[in-house]
Amino acid sequence: MLNPNLDDIQLTKEDYERYSRHLILPEVGLDGQKRLKASSVLCIGTGGLGSPLILYLAAAGVGRIGLVDFDVVDYSNLQRQIIHGTSWVNKPKIESAKNRILEINPHCQVDLYNTRLSSDNALKIFEPYDIVVDGTDNFPTRYLVNDACVLLNKPNVYGSIYRFEGQATVFNYEDGPNYRDLYPEPPPPGLVPSCAEGGVLGILPGIIGVIQATETIKIILGEGNTLSGRLLLYNSLDMTFRELKLRPNPVRPVIEELIDYEQFCGIPDADAAAAEEKAASAEISVTELKRLLDSGINDYVLLDVRNPNEYEIAKIPGSVLIPLSDIENGTGVEKVRELVNGHKLIAHCKMGGRSAKALSILKQAGIEGTNVTGGILAWSREVDPSIPQY
């Protein structure tokens, strides 16, 4: 529970009108609305989770909101990142978010941090705020946010999403558990696909982001039971909520300083392995592939290793689909061998990473191949703009 000096906080006539539905709630009332006005919340990320979170915090009357993001708005964001609009495509997300906040509540102070959060800047950025809300989508930043909150003794309102499922909880609040109690060690890089690879139901971050906003406001008001010590699991397909109990680990390592979280999560090793996979096979550009297709030469097989639903969205003419998952489990290797049958093998995916991995596996089985640099996205940009990007 935060304890501002409410005698120093005054509500204006406009505030009374704007927040009238709060003021008549006994659990909020005049003191509660003053607490909201006196509070400061730092939002890490202005994407899928950050969008509903930020909108509702601003509408509720949180006096100061900090935004940390270094990305620009992309068309692919608009399916779920409802704080942004089409007119903001290719412009900074934090500027778009600030514009929307001030449309909702022109009296909110909005601080912008157009930077990548790092061990060098996290403590300085976090220090002025009462609560930190984690709306990120990668493990290094989640560990960084957690450890910085522990060092500064600030609540960390956590949420994450994947495909049709999400989870939310409150870390580091009133002697409750922190993120390292849930995940003592990060998963191997690449084990959990990103939204760009695995997809996400556009409505899903709305549910989880609103839950994060609810928990944030409850902490500010000092009302209700927060999710501290409880991990809320949501499945949108089944429309079910489940809870798991979380407890502090008595033997967890003490967090004494911020570290290199990319190294901690194995990112450099994974990048090096990916580079080795790419280097293990020859490469062909999309323009070179186009010349080959136009030449009429048919001594090659063009292999697409994406998922079937991706293949339905966009495909290069003449390509044959064998998903990477089939190659990884072995069933696709013999299919490729039968297809090649003395021909050259050329493989592609969305951007080039999965096809490089597939070629590395096939090489171990004695099947050499060439990787299409940039994948079908490069094909769409440089060869055939009618192919949709996704």
Protein backbone atom coordinates (compact mmCIF):
# COMPACT_ATOMS: atom_id res chain seq x y z
CA MET A 1 0.00 0.00 0.00
CA LEU A 2 1.37 3.41 -1.01
CA ASN A 3 1.17 6.24 1.48
CA PRO A 4 1.21 9.69 -0.17
CA ASN A 5 0.44 12.83 1.83
CA LEU A 6 -3.16 13.31 0.73
CA ASP A 7 -3.35 16.79 2.30
CA ASP A 8 -1.14 18.01 -0.54
CA ILE A 9 -3.41 16.58 -3.24
CA GLN A 10 -6.41 18.58 -4.39
CA LEU A 11 -9.09 17.56 -6.86
CA THR A 12 -10.39 20.16 -9.28
CA LYS A 13 -13.99 20.71 -10.25
CA GLU A 14 -13.25 18.86 -13.49
CA ASP A 15 -11.77 15.97 -11.48
CA TYR A 16 -14.98 15.61 -9.50
CA GLU A 17 -16.94 15.34 -12.73
CA ARG A 18 -14.43 13.12 -14.55
CA TYR A 19 -14.07 10.62 -11.69
CA SER A 20 -17.62 10.76 -10.32
CA ARG A 21 -18.17 7.01 -10.74
CA HIS A 22 -15.05 6.37 -8.68
CA LEU A 23 -15.92 8.89 -6.01
CA ILE A 24 -19.23 7.21 -5.21
CA LEU A 25 -17.50 3.88 -4.62
CA PRO A 26 -16.78 3.55 -0.88
CA GLU A 27 -13.62 1.58 -1.67
CA VAL A 28 -12.29 4.49 -3.75
CA GLY A 29 -13.95 7.71 -2.65
CA LEU A 30 -12.17 11.02 -2.30
CA ASP A 31 -9.05 9.62 -0.65
CA GLY A 32 -8.73 6.85 -3.21
CA GLN A 33 -8.95 9.25 -6.13
CA LYS A 34 -6.34 11.44 -4.50
CA ARG A 35 -4.10 8.38 -4.18
CA LEU A 36 -4.49 7.72 -7.89
CA LYS A 37 -3.67 11.33 -8.71
CA ALA A 38 -0.58 11.21 -6.48
CA SER A 39 0.66 7.90 -7.89
CA SER A 40 3.30 7.19 -10.52
CA VAL A 41 3.47 4.06 -12.66
CA LEU A 42 6.20 2.99 -15.07
CA CYS A 43 5.02 0.86 -18.00
CA ILE A 44 7.68 -1.26 -19.71
CA GLY A 45 6.45 -1.68 -23.28
CA THR A 46 3.62 0.01 -25.18
CA GLY A 47 2.56 -3.04 -27.20
CA GLY A 48 -0.17 -5.63 -26.75
CA LEU A 49 -0.15 -5.67 -22.94
CA GLY A 50 0.82 -2.04 -22.55
CA SER A 51 -2.02 -0.73 -24.72
CA PRO A 52 -5.05 -1.56 -22.51
CA LEU A 53 -2.98 -1.11 -19.37
CA ILE A 54 -1.95 2.43 -20.26
CA LEU A 55 -5.40 3.42 -21.48
CA TYR A 56 -7.09 2.35 -18.25
CA LEU A 57 -4.44 3.81 -15.95
CA ALA A 58 -4.79 7.17 -17.68
CA ALA A 59 -8.59 6.99 -17.59
CA ALA A 60 -8.53 6.06 -13.89
CA GLY A 61 -6.62 9.21 -13.03
CA VAL A 62 -3.07 7.98 -12.36
CA GLY A 63 -1.15 11.23 -12.11
CA ARG A 64 2.15 10.22 -13.68
CA ILE A 65 2.80 7.51 -16.26
CA GLY A 66 6.24 6.62 -17.59
CA LEU A 67 6.61 4.77 -20.89
CA VAL A 68 9.67 2.74 -21.89
CA ASP A 69 9.85 1.60 -25.52
CA PHE A 70 12.20 2.09 -28.48
CA ASP A 71 10.09 0.53 -31.23
CA VAL A 72 7.97 2.10 -33.98
CA VAL A 73 4.38 1.26 -34.86
CA ASP A 74 4.05 -1.44 -37.52
CA TYR A 75 0.94 -2.56 -39.40
CA SER A 76 1.28 -5.98 -37.76
CA ASN A 77 0.88 -4.31 -34.35
CA LEU A 78 -2.58 -2.92 -35.03
CA GLN A 79 -4.35 -6.29 -34.66
CA ARG A 80 -3.82 -6.15 -30.88
CA GLN A 81 -2.01 -2.94 -29.85
CA ILE A 82 -5.12 -0.82 -29.59
CA ILE A 83 -3.44 2.31 -28.27
CA HIS A 84 -1.92 2.87 -31.73
CA GLY A 85 -3.63 3.81 -35.00
CA THR A 86 -2.88 3.57 -38.70
CA SER A 87 -1.73 7.19 -38.88
CA TRP A 88 1.09 6.33 -36.44
CA VAL A 89 2.65 3.54 -38.52
CA ASN A 90 6.47 3.97 -38.73
CA LYS A 91 6.39 6.51 -35.89
CA PRO A 92 7.64 5.93 -32.30
CA LYS A 93 5.24 3.90 -30.17
CA ILE A 94 5.79 6.03 -27.08
CA GLU A 95 4.80 9.19 -28.99
CA SER A 96 1.66 7.43 -30.24
CA ALA A 97 0.86 6.23 -26.72
CA LYS A 98 1.42 9.68 -25.21
CA ASN A 99 -0.88 11.23 -27.79
CA ARG A 100 -3.64 8.77 -26.87
CA ILE A 101 -3.11 9.21 -23.12
CA LEU A 102 -3.52 12.98 -23.38
CA GLU A 103 -6.66 12.51 -25.46
CA ILE A 104 -8.10 10.50 -22.57
CA ASN A 105 -6.65 12.53 -19.71
CA PRO A 106 -4.85 15.79 -20.56
CA HIS A 107 -3.90 16.25 -16.89
CA CYS A 108 -1.73 13.13 -16.75
CA GLN A 109 2.04 13.68 -16.69
CA VAL A 110 3.60 11.42 -19.33
CA ASP A 111 7.34 10.68 -19.21
CA LEU A 112 8.93 9.13 -22.30
CA TYR A 113 12.00 6.88 -22.37
CA ASN A 114 12.68 6.13 -26.02
CA THR A 115 15.44 3.65 -25.24
CA ARG A 116 16.18 -0.02 -24.84
CA LEU A 117 15.98 -0.94 -21.15
CA SER A 118 19.35 -2.18 -19.91
CA SER A 119 21.32 -2.88 -16.77
CA ASP A 120 22.95 0.53 -17.22
CA ASN A 121 19.75 2.59 -17.19
CA ALA A 122 17.07 0.50 -15.43
CA LEU A 123 17.64 1.65 -11.84
CA LYS A 124 17.73 5.31 -12.82
CA ILE A 125 14.54 4.99 -14.87
CA PHE A 126 12.67 2.96 -12.23
CA GLU A 127 13.65 5.02 -9.19
CA PRO A 128 11.04 7.86 -9.41
CA TYR A 129 8.02 5.53 -9.78
CA ASP A 130 5.82 3.80 -7.22
CA ILE A 131 4.96 0.74 -9.32
CA VAL A 132 6.52 -0.94 -12.35
CA VAL A 133 4.34 -2.87 -14.83
CA ASP A 134 6.04 -5.41 -17.08
CA GLY A 135 4.51 -5.63 -20.54
CA THR A 136 7.56 -7.07 -22.28
CA ASP A 137 7.83 -10.16 -24.47
CA ASN A 138 11.32 -11.52 -23.86
CA PHE A 139 13.09 -13.24 -21.00
CA PRO A 140 16.18 -11.03 -20.63
CA THR A 141 14.02 -7.94 -20.05
CA ARG A 142 11.70 -9.78 -17.66
CA TYR A 143 14.63 -10.81 -15.47
CA LEU A 144 16.04 -7.29 -15.67
CA VAL A 145 12.71 -5.73 -14.66
CA ASN A 146 12.36 -8.19 -11.79
CA ASP A 147 15.85 -7.67 -10.41
CA ALA A 148 15.64 -3.89 -10.64
CA CYS A 149 12.31 -3.95 -8.78
CA VAL A 150 13.81 -6.17 -6.07
CA LEU A 151 16.80 -3.88 -5.63
CA LEU A 152 14.54 -0.81 -5.41
CA ASN A 153 11.77 -2.58 -3.45
CA LYS A 154 9.06 -1.75 -5.96
CA PRO A 155 6.01 -3.86 -6.90
CA ASN A 156 6.30 -5.56 -10.30
CA VAL A 157 2.92 -6.18 -11.98
CA TYR A 158 3.60 -8.98 -14.44
CA GLY A 159 1.78 -10.31 -17.48
CA SER A 160 2.66 -12.50 -20.45
CA ILE A 161 0.81 -13.89 -23.47
CA TYR A 162 1.27 -16.59 -26.09
CA ARG A 163 -1.14 -17.68 -28.82
CA PHE A 164 -4.42 -18.19 -26.86
CA GLU A 165 -3.10 -18.22 -23.30
CA GLY A 166 -1.92 -15.64 -20.81
CA GLN A 167 -0.80 -15.28 -17.23
CA ALA A 168 -0.60 -12.50 -14.67
CA THR A 169 0.60 -11.97 -11.13
CA VAL A 170 2.19 -9.38 -8.84
CA PHE A 171 5.82 -9.83 -7.89
CA ASN A 172 7.89 -8.32 -5.11
CA TYR A 173 4.95 -6.96 -3.14
CA GLU A 174 4.49 -7.20 0.63
CA ASP A 175 7.19 -9.87 1.02
CA GLY A 176 5.67 -11.95 -1.77
CA PRO A 177 7.54 -13.95 -4.41
CA ASN A 178 9.40 -12.46 -7.35
CA TYR A 179 9.89 -13.60 -10.93
CA ARG A 180 12.85 -15.82 -10.01
CA ASP A 181 10.59 -17.84 -7.74
CA LEU A 182 8.46 -18.68 -10.78
CA TYR A 183 11.36 -19.10 -13.21
CA PRO A 184 14.66 -19.69 -11.36
CA GLU A 185 16.40 -20.27 -14.70
CA PRO A 186 15.45 -19.02 -18.18
CA PRO A 187 14.34 -21.57 -20.77
CA PRO A 188 16.77 -22.40 -23.58
CA PRO A 189 16.74 -19.70 -26.29
CA GLY A 190 14.20 -20.46 -28.98
CA LEU A 191 12.19 -22.92 -26.88
CA VAL A 192 9.36 -20.41 -26.43
CA PRO A 193 8.52 -18.85 -29.82
CA SER A 194 7.81 -15.15 -30.03
CA CYS A 195 4.43 -13.78 -31.06
CA ALA A 196 5.92 -13.11 -34.50
CA GLU A 197 6.63 -16.83 -34.87
CA GLY A 198 3.82 -18.43 -32.87
CA GLY A 199 1.08 -15.84 -33.29
CA VAL A 200 -1.29 -14.39 -30.72
CA LEU A 201 -5.05 -13.87 -30.58
CA GLY A 202 -5.53 -10.12 -30.81
CA ILE A 203 -8.01 -9.95 -27.92
CA LEU A 204 -5.78 -11.90 -25.53
CA PRO A 205 -3.45 -9.05 -24.45
CA GLY A 206 -6.55 -6.97 -23.79
CA ILE A 207 -7.64 -9.41 -21.10
CA ILE A 208 -4.23 -9.75 -19.47
CA GLY A 209 -3.41 -6.03 -19.80
CA VAL A 210 -6.67 -5.09 -18.08
CA ILE A 211 -5.86 -7.53 -15.27
CA GLN A 212 -2.48 -5.82 -14.87
CA ALA A 213 -4.21 -2.44 -14.76
CA THR A 214 -6.64 -3.75 -12.14
CA GLU A 215 -3.82 -5.05 -9.94
CA THR A 216 -1.94 -1.75 -10.29
CA ILE A 217 -4.95 0.29 -9.21
CA LYS A 218 -5.65 -2.06 -6.26
CA ILE A 219 -2.07 -1.58 -5.05
CA ILE A 220 -2.45 2.20 -5.30
CA LEU A 221 -5.77 2.16 -3.46
CA GLY A 222 -4.70 -0.43 -0.89
CA GLU A 223 -7.95 -2.30 -1.50
CA GLY A 224 -8.74 -5.94 -2.23
CA ASN A 225 -6.52 -8.97 -2.51
CA THR A 226 -3.80 -8.70 -5.12
CA LEU A 227 -2.37 -11.57 -7.16
CA SER A 228 0.79 -11.56 -5.06
CA GLY A 229 1.51 -15.22 -4.32
CA ARG A 230 -0.95 -16.35 -6.99
CA LEU A 231 -0.27 -16.95 -10.69
CA LEU A 232 -3.44 -16.45 -12.71
CA LEU A 233 -3.59 -18.60 -15.88
CA TYR A 234 -6.09 -17.75 -18.60
CA ASN A 235 -7.06 -19.90 -21.58
CA SER A 236 -9.15 -17.95 -24.08
CA LEU A 237 -10.20 -20.98 -26.14
CA ASP A 238 -11.68 -22.74 -23.12
CA MET A 239 -12.57 -19.44 -21.39
CA THR A 240 -11.10 -20.73 -18.14
CA PHE A 241 -9.09 -19.15 -15.36
CA ARG A 242 -6.88 -21.20 -13.05
CA GLU A 243 -4.63 -20.25 -10.16
CA LEU A 244 -1.29 -21.60 -9.05
CA LYS A 245 0.15 -20.78 -5.65
CA LEU A 246 3.53 -19.03 -5.65
CA ARG A 247 5.80 -18.86 -2.65
CA PRO A 248 9.20 -17.25 -2.10
CA ASN A 249 12.03 -19.74 -2.44
CA PRO A 250 13.97 -19.62 0.85
CA VAL A 251 17.20 -20.69 -0.88
CA ARG A 252 16.99 -18.47 -3.95
CA PRO A 253 20.14 -16.46 -4.70
CA VAL A 254 20.18 -12.95 -3.27
CA ILE A 255 19.93 -10.27 -5.96
CA GLU A 256 22.77 -7.84 -5.27
CA GLU A 257 23.27 -6.15 -8.64
CA LEU A 258 22.06 -6.07 -12.21
CA ILE A 259 23.88 -8.43 -14.55
CA ASP A 260 24.23 -9.13 -18.28
CA TYR A 261 20.76 -10.58 -18.91
CA GLU A 262 21.40 -11.43 -22.55
CA GLN A 263 24.28 -13.62 -21.40
CA PHE A 264 22.22 -15.02 -18.51
CA CYS A 265 19.50 -16.11 -20.95
CA GLY A 266 22.01 -17.60 -23.39
CA ILE A 267 21.22 -15.16 -26.21
CA PRO A 268 24.83 -14.70 -27.45
CA ASP A 269 25.33 -18.47 -27.59
CA ALA A 270 22.05 -18.89 -29.45
CA ASP A 271 22.98 -16.13 -31.90
CA ALA A 272 26.35 -17.76 -32.48
CA ALA A 273 24.69 -21.12 -33.08
CA ALA A 274 22.26 -19.51 -35.55
CA ALA A 275 25.18 -17.85 -37.34
CA GLU A 276 26.93 -21.22 -37.56
CA GLU A 277 23.78 -22.78 -39.01
CA LYS A 278 23.61 -20.08 -41.68
CA ALA A 279 27.30 -20.38 -42.41
CA ALA A 280 26.96 -24.17 -42.72
CA SER A 281 24.96 -23.80 -45.93
CA ALA A 282 25.32 -21.74 -49.06
CA GLU A 283 23.00 -18.78 -49.53
CA ILE A 284 21.05 -17.39 -52.44
CA SER A 285 19.36 -13.98 -52.61
CA VAL A 286 15.73 -13.62 -53.61
CA THR A 287 16.73 -11.85 -56.83
CA GLU A 288 19.03 -14.74 -57.72
CA LEU A 289 16.21 -17.15 -56.93
CA LYS A 290 13.88 -15.18 -59.21
CA ARG A 291 16.39 -15.44 -62.08
CA LEU A 292 16.62 -19.17 -61.47
CA LEU A 293 12.83 -19.56 -61.52
CA ASP A 294 12.57 -17.52 -64.71
CA SER A 295 15.33 -19.48 -66.45
CA GLY A 296 13.22 -22.58 -66.85
CA ILE A 297 15.91 -24.77 -65.29
CA ASN A 298 14.26 -27.48 -63.22
CA ASP A 299 17.19 -29.20 -61.56
CA TYR A 300 16.25 -27.95 -58.09
CA VAL A 301 13.63 -28.37 -55.35
CA LEU A 302 12.37 -25.25 -53.57
CA LEU A 303 11.53 -26.27 -50.00
CA ASP A 304 9.33 -24.17 -47.72
CA VAL A 305 9.78 -25.08 -44.03
CA ARG A 306 7.15 -22.77 -42.53
CA ASN A 307 3.93 -23.91 -40.89
CA PRO A 308 0.94 -24.90 -43.07
CA ASN A 309 -1.11 -21.83 -42.08
CA GLU A 310 1.79 -19.57 -43.11
CA TYR A 311 1.98 -21.37 -46.44
CA GLU A 312 -1.69 -20.57 -47.00
CA ILE A 313 -1.02 -16.86 -46.43
CA ALA A 314 1.81 -16.54 -48.93
CA LYS A 315 3.95 -18.86 -51.02
CA ILE A 316 6.66 -18.69 -53.65
CA PRO A 317 5.50 -20.37 -56.86
CA GLY A 318 6.75 -23.92 -57.22
CA SER A 319 7.67 -24.35 -53.54
CA VAL A 320 6.98 -27.56 -51.63
CA LEU A 321 5.93 -27.42 -47.98
CA ILE A 322 7.62 -29.62 -45.36
CA PRO A 323 7.43 -27.86 -41.96
CA LEU A 324 10.53 -27.50 -39.83
CA SER A 325 8.77 -29.43 -37.05
CA ASP A 326 8.59 -32.49 -39.36
CA ILE A 327 12.27 -32.16 -40.18
CA GLU A 328 13.14 -31.83 -36.50
CA ASN A 329 11.23 -34.96 -35.52
CA GLY A 330 12.74 -36.93 -38.42
CA THR A 331 9.60 -37.63 -40.44
CA GLY A 332 10.36 -34.85 -42.90
CA VAL A 333 13.95 -35.82 -43.57
CA GLU A 334 13.06 -38.81 -45.74
CA LYS A 335 10.40 -36.75 -47.52
CA VAL A 336 13.09 -34.23 -48.44
CA ARG A 337 15.43 -37.00 -49.53
CA GLU A 338 12.76 -38.40 -51.85
CA LEU A 339 12.02 -34.96 -53.26
CA VAL A 340 15.64 -34.06 -53.90
CA ASN A 341 16.55 -37.35 -55.61
CA GLY A 342 19.61 -35.90 -57.33
CA HIS A 343 18.29 -32.34 -57.62
CA LYS A 344 19.67 -29.27 -55.85
CA LEU A 345 17.89 -28.24 -52.65
CA ILE A 346 16.92 -24.62 -51.96
CA ALA A 347 15.10 -23.86 -48.70
CA HIS A 348 13.29 -20.82 -47.39
CA CYS A 349 11.06 -19.73 -44.49
CA LYS A 350 9.68 -16.37 -43.34
CA MET A 351 13.00 -14.59 -42.72
CA GLY A 352 15.73 -17.21 -43.13
CA GLY A 353 16.28 -18.51 -39.61
CA ARG A 354 14.11 -21.61 -39.65
CA SER A 355 15.31 -22.66 -43.09
CA ALA A 356 18.93 -22.36 -41.92
CA LYS A 357 18.09 -24.61 -38.99
CA ALA A 358 16.35 -27.10 -41.28
CA LEU A 359 19.35 -27.19 -43.62
CA SER A 360 21.65 -27.80 -40.67
CA ILE A 361 19.58 -30.85 -39.66
CA LEU A 362 19.40 -32.09 -43.25
CA LYS A 363 23.15 -31.69 -43.67
CA GLN A 364 23.69 -34.09 -40.77
CA ALA A 365 21.53 -36.56 -42.71
CA GLY A 366 23.74 -36.11 -45.76
CA ILE A 367 21.48 -33.68 -47.65
CA GLU A 368 23.18 -30.44 -48.69
CA GLY A 369 21.20 -27.33 -49.53
CA THR A 370 21.13 -23.57 -50.12
CA ASN A 371 19.29 -21.05 -47.93
CA VAL A 372 17.22 -18.15 -49.30
CA THR A 373 18.45 -14.99 -47.58
CA GLY A 374 15.61 -13.03 -45.98
CA GLY A 375 12.98 -15.65 -46.76
CA ILE A 376 9.57 -14.88 -48.18
CA LEU A 377 9.49 -11.41 -46.60
CA ALA A 378 12.51 -10.45 -48.72
CA TRP A 379 10.78 -12.02 -51.73
CA SER A 380 7.74 -9.80 -51.09
CA ARG A 381 9.87 -6.66 -50.66
CA GLU A 382 12.29 -7.15 -53.55
CA VAL A 383 10.61 -9.44 -56.09
CA ASP A 384 6.82 -9.68 -55.83
CA PRO A 385 5.03 -6.98 -53.77
CA SER A 386 1.71 -8.76 -54.38
CA ILE A 387 2.85 -11.43 -51.90
CA PRO A 388 1.40 -10.34 -48.51
CA GLN A 389 3.71 -9.75 -45.57
CA TYR A 390 2.61 -11.01 -42.18
